[in-house]
Amino acid sequence: MSINFAEKTEFQFIETVRRRYALQKIGDDCAVLPKDSKTDLVITTDLLVEDIDFKLEWTTPEFVGHKSLAVSLSDVAAMGAKPVWAMLSIGVPEKVWKTDFVEKFYDGWFALANEFNVELIGGDVSKTSDKIVIDSIAAGETKRGKAILRSGAKAGDLIFLTGELGGAAAGLRLLEKGERYEKSKYKNLLLRQLKPNPQTEIGQILGAKNLATSMIDSSDGLVADLNHICRESKVGAKIFDDKIPDQFDLEKFHSLFNSSEMVNFSLYSGEDFELLFTVNPKKKFQVEKELKKHQISQIGSVTPNAGIIELISKGKSEILQAKGFRHF
């Protein structure tokens, strides 16, 4: 039976390929490969396509360069690994090739790479007929057998989240409405979309100290990513509405977004690139101590109700559907 692209979402297609070809190494933010007797290598790849993942009229070449590496470093962070090297390929149409776009793109990429001592070890540059296409590959290292997978959550574990949610989606909505970074008074929201920051330091701490039982980055939205953990770990989850950190003050943003939009941003919209992770209750205080310089929130707990994500809001329970950000 052939695979019908038109009838499947991104996640359904990946799952179809995974099952059809028995691909056991697919299912986490990175693939895990042995490097030597003491070290594992984690590797990820991301594809960014103009007018799907970014629009030139919304952003700058430097921001695109930054984001193309940031999304891959976020995957490495989600494995509890230290980033070490990357490969970068870019295809651009002739009209863009004749500008300074590529040079400025690399300026943005290297600014972030230098921040985390990531070495560029290879890649390719080519022309395309119409749109810019970027292929980002990044690798990190962990102790042998210590990469944090999505499949390690246990009933009773606590659910933690770094940072705040919804900013990237709100920034995207503002861009769609015509807001532009240079003249905007909402620069913080726009930067969450245009220039996201991977939680590399937190990921390394959780990995080095063996503090998380499972982890994923919040690139697809809170509910969708929590569902990924639940599916791989064969568990359920209960989260509390008033514990979920978001970037919205109703009085400040009521003229821009309605309350239902803001709820949707926090629960279902992606590209915040925070870390969602589970912790054995016995390690709660150690996690809070090790990450005291960072913003983290305990938003719920893991349950034995496999595949069920429950939201508690004002004393009422609601079963959430596992929808989130989609590339197609």
Protein backbone atom coordinates (compact mmCIF):
# COMPACT_ATOMS: atom_id res chain seq x y z
CA MET A 1 0.00 0.00 0.00
CA SER A 2 1.38 3.42 -0.95
CA ILE A 3 1.64 6.31 1.51
CA ASN A 4 -0.87 9.05 0.66
CA PHE A 5 0.77 12.39 1.48
CA ALA A 6 -2.39 14.39 0.84
CA GLU A 7 -4.42 12.61 3.51
CA LYS A 8 -1.90 12.79 6.34
CA THR A 9 -0.65 15.44 8.72
CA GLU A 10 3.08 15.77 9.40
CA PHE A 11 2.87 13.61 12.54
CA GLN A 12 0.63 10.98 10.93
CA PHE A 13 3.02 10.66 8.02
CA ILE A 14 6.06 10.25 10.30
CA GLU A 15 4.23 7.62 12.34
CA THR A 16 3.21 5.77 9.15
CA VAL A 17 6.81 5.66 7.92
CA ARG A 18 8.04 4.65 11.37
CA ARG A 19 5.66 1.70 11.62
CA ARG A 20 5.86 0.58 7.99
CA TYR A 21 9.64 0.36 7.98
CA ALA A 22 10.09 -0.59 11.67
CA LEU A 23 12.26 2.44 12.41
CA GLN A 24 13.08 2.00 16.08
CA LYS A 25 15.36 5.04 16.37
CA ILE A 26 12.64 7.53 15.36
CA GLY A 27 10.52 9.06 18.15
CA ASP A 28 12.71 11.55 19.98
CA ASP A 29 14.02 15.05 19.28
CA CYS A 30 17.34 13.51 18.16
CA ALA A 31 18.67 10.15 17.08
CA VAL A 32 21.08 8.63 19.60
CA LEU A 33 24.21 6.91 18.28
CA PRO A 34 27.19 5.47 20.19
CA LYS A 35 30.35 7.55 19.84
CA ASP A 36 32.73 5.63 22.10
CA SER A 37 32.65 3.63 25.34
CA LYS A 38 31.81 6.71 27.43
CA THR A 39 29.86 8.98 25.07
CA ASP A 40 26.76 8.98 22.89
CA LEU A 41 26.17 11.32 19.99
CA VAL A 42 22.72 12.85 19.48
CA ILE A 43 21.91 14.16 15.99
CA THR A 44 18.98 16.17 14.66
CA THR A 45 18.00 17.74 11.36
CA ASP A 46 15.55 20.56 10.59
CA LEU A 47 14.26 21.99 7.35
CA LEU A 48 13.21 25.64 7.04
CA VAL A 49 11.38 26.75 3.91
CA GLU A 50 10.61 30.32 2.87
CA ASP A 51 6.92 31.26 3.17
CA ILE A 52 6.32 28.18 5.34
CA ASP A 53 8.72 28.75 8.25
CA PHE A 54 9.60 32.40 7.62
CA LYS A 55 8.75 35.29 5.30
CA LEU A 56 11.41 37.69 4.09
CA GLU A 57 9.15 40.71 4.53
CA TRP A 58 8.76 39.85 8.23
CA THR A 59 12.31 39.14 9.23
CA THR A 60 16.00 39.84 8.58
CA PRO A 61 18.73 37.57 7.15
CA GLU A 62 20.44 37.60 10.56
CA PHE A 63 17.25 36.46 12.31
CA VAL A 64 16.77 33.64 9.78
CA GLY A 65 20.36 32.49 10.32
CA HIS A 66 19.90 32.55 14.09
CA LYS A 67 16.60 30.67 13.98
CA SER A 68 17.89 27.98 11.61
CA LEU A 69 20.46 26.97 14.22
CA ALA A 70 18.28 27.66 17.27
CA VAL A 71 15.63 25.12 16.26
CA SER A 72 18.27 22.39 16.02
CA LEU A 73 20.01 23.39 19.26
CA SER A 74 16.63 23.16 20.97
CA ASP A 75 16.36 19.52 19.88
CA VAL A 76 19.83 18.82 21.26
CA ALA A 77 18.88 20.52 24.54
CA ALA A 78 15.78 18.32 24.77
CA MET A 79 18.05 15.26 24.88
CA GLY A 80 20.03 16.69 27.81
CA ALA A 81 23.08 16.99 25.57
CA LYS A 82 25.87 19.50 25.05
CA PRO A 83 25.92 20.83 21.45
CA VAL A 84 29.27 20.32 19.72
CA TRP A 85 29.00 20.66 15.93
CA ALA A 86 26.62 21.50 13.12
CA MET A 87 26.25 21.25 9.36
CA LEU A 88 24.37 23.82 7.30
CA SER A 89 23.06 23.77 3.74
CA ILE A 90 21.18 26.58 2.06
CA GLY A 91 19.55 26.94 -1.35
CA VAL A 92 18.58 30.40 -2.59
CA PRO A 93 17.01 31.74 -5.80
CA GLU A 94 19.16 33.86 -8.09
CA LYS A 95 17.44 37.12 -7.14
CA VAL A 96 18.42 36.55 -3.50
CA TRP A 97 21.91 35.28 -4.39
CA LYS A 98 22.68 38.66 -5.97
CA THR A 99 22.01 40.45 -2.65
CA ASP A 100 23.89 40.31 0.67
CA PHE A 101 21.30 37.94 2.17
CA VAL A 102 23.57 34.89 2.41
CA GLU A 103 26.42 36.81 4.05
CA LYS A 104 24.12 38.33 6.66
CA PHE A 105 22.41 34.97 7.16
CA TYR A 106 25.74 33.43 8.11
CA ASP A 107 26.45 36.37 10.46
CA GLY A 108 23.31 35.50 12.40
CA TRP A 109 24.07 31.78 12.37
CA PHE A 110 27.63 32.21 13.64
CA ALA A 111 26.61 34.68 16.36
CA LEU A 112 24.52 31.94 17.99
CA ALA A 113 27.03 29.18 17.20
CA ASN A 114 29.80 31.13 18.92
CA GLU A 115 27.62 31.62 22.00
CA PHE A 116 27.48 27.85 22.55
CA ASN A 117 30.87 26.91 21.03
CA VAL A 118 29.24 25.04 18.15
CA GLU A 119 31.63 24.26 15.30
CA LEU A 120 30.45 24.35 11.68
CA ILE A 121 31.98 21.25 10.11
CA GLY A 122 30.31 21.16 6.69
CA GLY A 123 27.30 21.79 4.50
CA ASP A 124 26.42 23.02 1.03
CA VAL A 125 25.27 26.11 -0.87
CA SER A 126 23.11 25.91 -3.98
CA LYS A 127 20.56 27.81 -6.03
CA THR A 128 16.82 27.13 -6.10
CA SER A 129 14.24 28.13 -8.67
CA ASP A 130 11.97 30.10 -6.35
CA LYS A 131 12.21 29.93 -2.54
CA ILE A 132 14.96 29.80 0.07
CA VAL A 133 15.44 26.34 1.58
CA ILE A 134 17.64 25.70 4.65
CA ASP A 135 18.77 22.34 6.00
CA SER A 136 20.21 22.44 9.53
CA ILE A 137 21.95 19.47 11.16
CA ALA A 138 23.27 19.66 14.72
CA ALA A 139 24.92 17.17 17.05
CA GLY A 140 25.52 17.01 20.76
CA GLU A 141 27.14 14.68 23.26
CA THR A 142 25.91 12.93 26.40
CA LYS A 143 27.27 10.29 28.71
CA ARG A 144 26.72 6.79 27.31
CA GLY A 145 23.13 5.70 27.86
CA LYS A 146 22.14 9.00 29.54
CA ALA A 147 20.32 10.84 26.73
CA ILE A 148 16.89 11.95 27.95
CA LEU A 149 14.20 10.28 25.84
CA ARG A 150 10.47 10.89 25.54
CA SER A 151 9.77 7.35 26.71
CA GLY A 152 10.94 7.52 30.33
CA ALA A 153 8.00 9.18 32.10
CA LYS A 154 6.33 7.17 34.89
CA ALA A 155 2.98 7.59 36.62
CA GLY A 156 3.49 9.92 39.57
CA ASP A 157 6.26 11.94 37.93
CA LEU A 158 5.93 15.72 38.08
CA ILE A 159 5.63 17.77 34.88
CA PHE A 160 7.82 20.87 34.54
CA LEU A 161 8.10 23.57 31.91
CA THR A 162 10.79 26.17 31.33
CA GLY A 163 10.03 29.82 30.55
CA GLU A 164 6.66 30.97 29.24
CA LEU A 165 4.35 29.88 26.43
CA GLY A 166 2.46 31.66 23.69
CA GLY A 167 4.92 34.39 22.82
CA ALA A 168 5.96 32.94 19.48
CA ALA A 169 2.37 32.43 18.36
CA ALA A 170 1.43 35.94 19.47
CA GLY A 171 4.44 37.32 17.60
CA LEU A 172 3.37 35.43 14.49
CA ARG A 173 -0.16 36.81 14.74
CA LEU A 174 1.21 40.35 15.04
CA LEU A 175 3.39 39.82 11.98
CA GLU A 176 0.37 38.57 10.06
CA LYS A 177 -1.45 41.76 11.06
CA GLY A 178 1.34 43.92 9.62
CA GLU A 179 3.48 44.56 12.69
CA ARG A 180 7.20 44.86 11.90
CA TYR A 181 10.11 44.53 14.30
CA GLU A 182 11.92 47.79 13.48
CA LYS A 183 8.99 50.01 14.48
CA SER A 184 7.12 47.75 16.89
CA LYS A 185 6.46 48.39 20.58
CA TYR A 186 5.98 44.62 20.97
CA LYS A 187 9.56 43.64 20.16
CA ASN A 188 9.69 40.97 22.90
CA LEU A 189 6.79 39.05 21.36
CA LEU A 190 8.15 39.39 17.84
CA LEU A 191 11.57 38.13 18.90
CA ARG A 192 9.98 34.99 20.35
CA GLN A 193 8.96 34.19 16.78
CA LEU A 194 11.82 35.69 14.80
CA LYS A 195 14.81 34.97 17.07
CA PRO A 196 14.00 32.18 19.55
CA ASN A 197 16.50 31.17 22.20
CA PRO A 198 17.11 27.44 22.78
CA GLN A 199 17.23 26.34 26.41
CA THR A 200 20.68 24.83 25.97
CA GLU A 201 22.00 25.47 29.48
CA ILE A 202 18.94 23.99 31.20
CA GLY A 203 19.04 20.93 28.97
CA GLN A 204 22.67 20.28 29.83
CA ILE A 205 22.02 20.63 33.58
CA LEU A 206 19.12 18.19 33.47
CA GLY A 207 21.20 15.74 31.47
CA ALA A 208 24.42 16.01 33.44
CA LYS A 209 22.64 15.66 36.79
CA ASN A 210 20.30 12.89 35.60
CA LEU A 211 17.27 14.86 36.79
CA ALA A 212 14.60 14.31 34.10
CA THR A 213 12.82 11.05 33.34
CA SER A 214 11.65 12.34 29.93
CA MET A 215 11.94 15.55 27.94
CA ILE A 216 10.88 17.28 24.72
CA ASP A 217 11.11 20.81 23.37
CA SER A 218 7.90 22.81 22.98
CA SER A 219 8.12 23.32 19.22
CA ASP A 220 4.68 21.87 18.41
CA GLY A 221 2.67 23.30 21.33
CA LEU A 222 2.20 22.24 24.95
CA VAL A 223 -0.61 19.73 24.41
CA ALA A 224 0.88 18.18 21.27
CA ASP A 225 4.32 17.82 22.84
CA LEU A 226 2.94 16.46 26.10
CA ASN A 227 1.03 13.94 23.99
CA HIS A 228 4.32 12.88 22.35
CA ILE A 229 5.72 12.08 25.81
CA CYS A 230 2.53 10.30 26.87
CA ARG A 231 2.47 8.19 23.70
CA GLU A 232 6.12 7.16 23.90
CA SER A 233 5.94 6.53 27.67
CA LYS A 234 2.47 4.89 27.56
CA VAL A 235 1.13 7.20 30.26
CA GLY A 236 -1.32 10.07 30.66
CA ALA A 237 -1.04 13.55 32.13
CA LYS A 238 -2.93 16.02 34.29
CA ILE A 239 -2.08 19.72 33.97
CA PHE A 240 -3.47 22.75 35.77
CA ASP A 241 -4.62 25.84 33.90
CA ASP A 242 -3.44 28.28 36.59
CA LYS A 243 0.04 26.71 36.67
CA ILE A 244 0.81 27.15 32.96
CA PRO A 245 3.07 30.21 32.51
CA ASP A 246 2.18 32.47 29.60
CA GLN A 247 3.35 35.83 28.32
CA PHE A 248 0.02 37.59 28.49
CA ASP A 249 -1.38 40.23 30.76
CA LEU A 250 -5.05 40.57 29.81
CA GLU A 251 -5.10 44.31 30.41
CA LYS A 252 -1.95 44.84 28.34
CA PHE A 253 -2.94 42.70 25.36
CA HIS A 254 -6.75 42.83 25.35
CA SER A 255 -6.71 45.24 22.42
CA LEU A 256 -4.60 42.80 20.37
CA PHE A 257 -5.97 39.34 21.22
CA ASN A 258 -9.15 38.01 22.76
CA SER A 259 -9.05 35.62 25.71
CA SER A 260 -9.74 32.50 23.59
CA GLU A 261 -6.82 33.37 21.30
CA MET A 262 -4.49 33.67 24.29
CA VAL A 263 -5.60 30.30 25.66
CA ASN A 264 -4.99 28.78 22.24
CA PHE A 265 -1.52 30.37 22.07
CA SER A 266 -0.53 28.85 25.42
CA LEU A 267 -1.98 25.36 24.95
CA TYR A 268 -1.76 24.60 21.25
CA SER A 269 0.63 26.96 19.45
CA GLY A 270 4.26 26.03 18.98
CA GLU A 271 7.70 27.48 18.30
CA ASP A 272 8.37 28.74 21.83
CA PHE A 273 11.29 26.28 22.06
CA GLU A 274 11.02 25.87 25.81
CA LEU A 275 11.64 22.49 27.46
CA LEU A 276 8.86 20.24 28.77
CA PHE A 277 10.15 17.54 31.11
CA THR A 278 9.09 15.06 33.77
CA VAL A 279 10.78 14.49 37.12
CA ASN A 280 10.64 11.80 39.78
CA PRO A 281 9.02 13.46 42.86
CA LYS A 282 12.08 12.49 44.93
CA LYS A 283 14.20 14.82 42.76
CA LYS A 284 11.85 17.81 42.82
CA PHE A 285 13.86 19.87 45.28
CA GLN A 286 17.14 19.04 43.55
CA VAL A 287 15.68 20.22 40.23
CA GLU A 288 14.49 23.47 41.80
CA LYS A 289 17.90 23.98 43.41
CA GLU A 290 19.92 23.26 40.27
CA LEU A 291 17.68 25.52 38.16
CA LYS A 292 17.12 28.31 40.68
CA LYS A 293 18.61 30.85 38.27
CA HIS A 294 16.13 29.84 35.56
CA GLN A 295 12.39 30.16 35.22
CA ILE A 296 10.69 26.78 35.60
CA SER A 297 7.12 25.89 36.54
CA GLN A 298 5.56 22.68 37.84
CA ILE A 299 2.38 22.44 35.77
CA GLY A 300 1.03 18.98 36.57
CA SER A 301 1.76 15.30 36.96
CA VAL A 302 1.96 12.06 35.00
CA THR A 303 -0.98 9.66 35.37
CA PRO A 304 -1.49 5.97 34.51
CA ASN A 305 -4.34 6.87 32.10
CA ALA A 306 -2.41 6.17 28.90
CA GLY A 307 -3.02 8.71 26.14
CA ILE A 308 -5.33 10.94 28.21
CA ILE A 309 -4.34 14.56 28.81
CA GLU A 310 -6.55 16.23 31.40
CA LEU A 311 -6.75 20.00 32.01
CA ILE A 312 -7.97 21.18 35.41
CA SER A 313 -9.45 24.68 35.24
CA LYS A 314 -11.40 26.29 38.09
CA GLY A 315 -12.05 22.91 39.64
CA LYS A 316 -13.41 21.39 36.43
CA SER A 317 -11.75 18.69 34.35
CA GLU A 318 -11.49 18.69 30.53
CA ILE A 319 -9.92 16.09 28.25
CA LEU A 320 -7.71 17.85 25.72
CA GLN A 321 -7.31 16.84 22.08
CA ALA A 322 -3.69 16.38 20.98
CA LYS A 323 -3.58 19.10 18.35
CA GLY A 324 -0.80 21.61 17.88
CA PHE A 325 1.44 23.44 15.41
CA ARG A 326 1.67 21.79 11.99
CA HIS A 327 4.00 22.44 9.08
CA PHE A 328 1.32 21.06 6.73
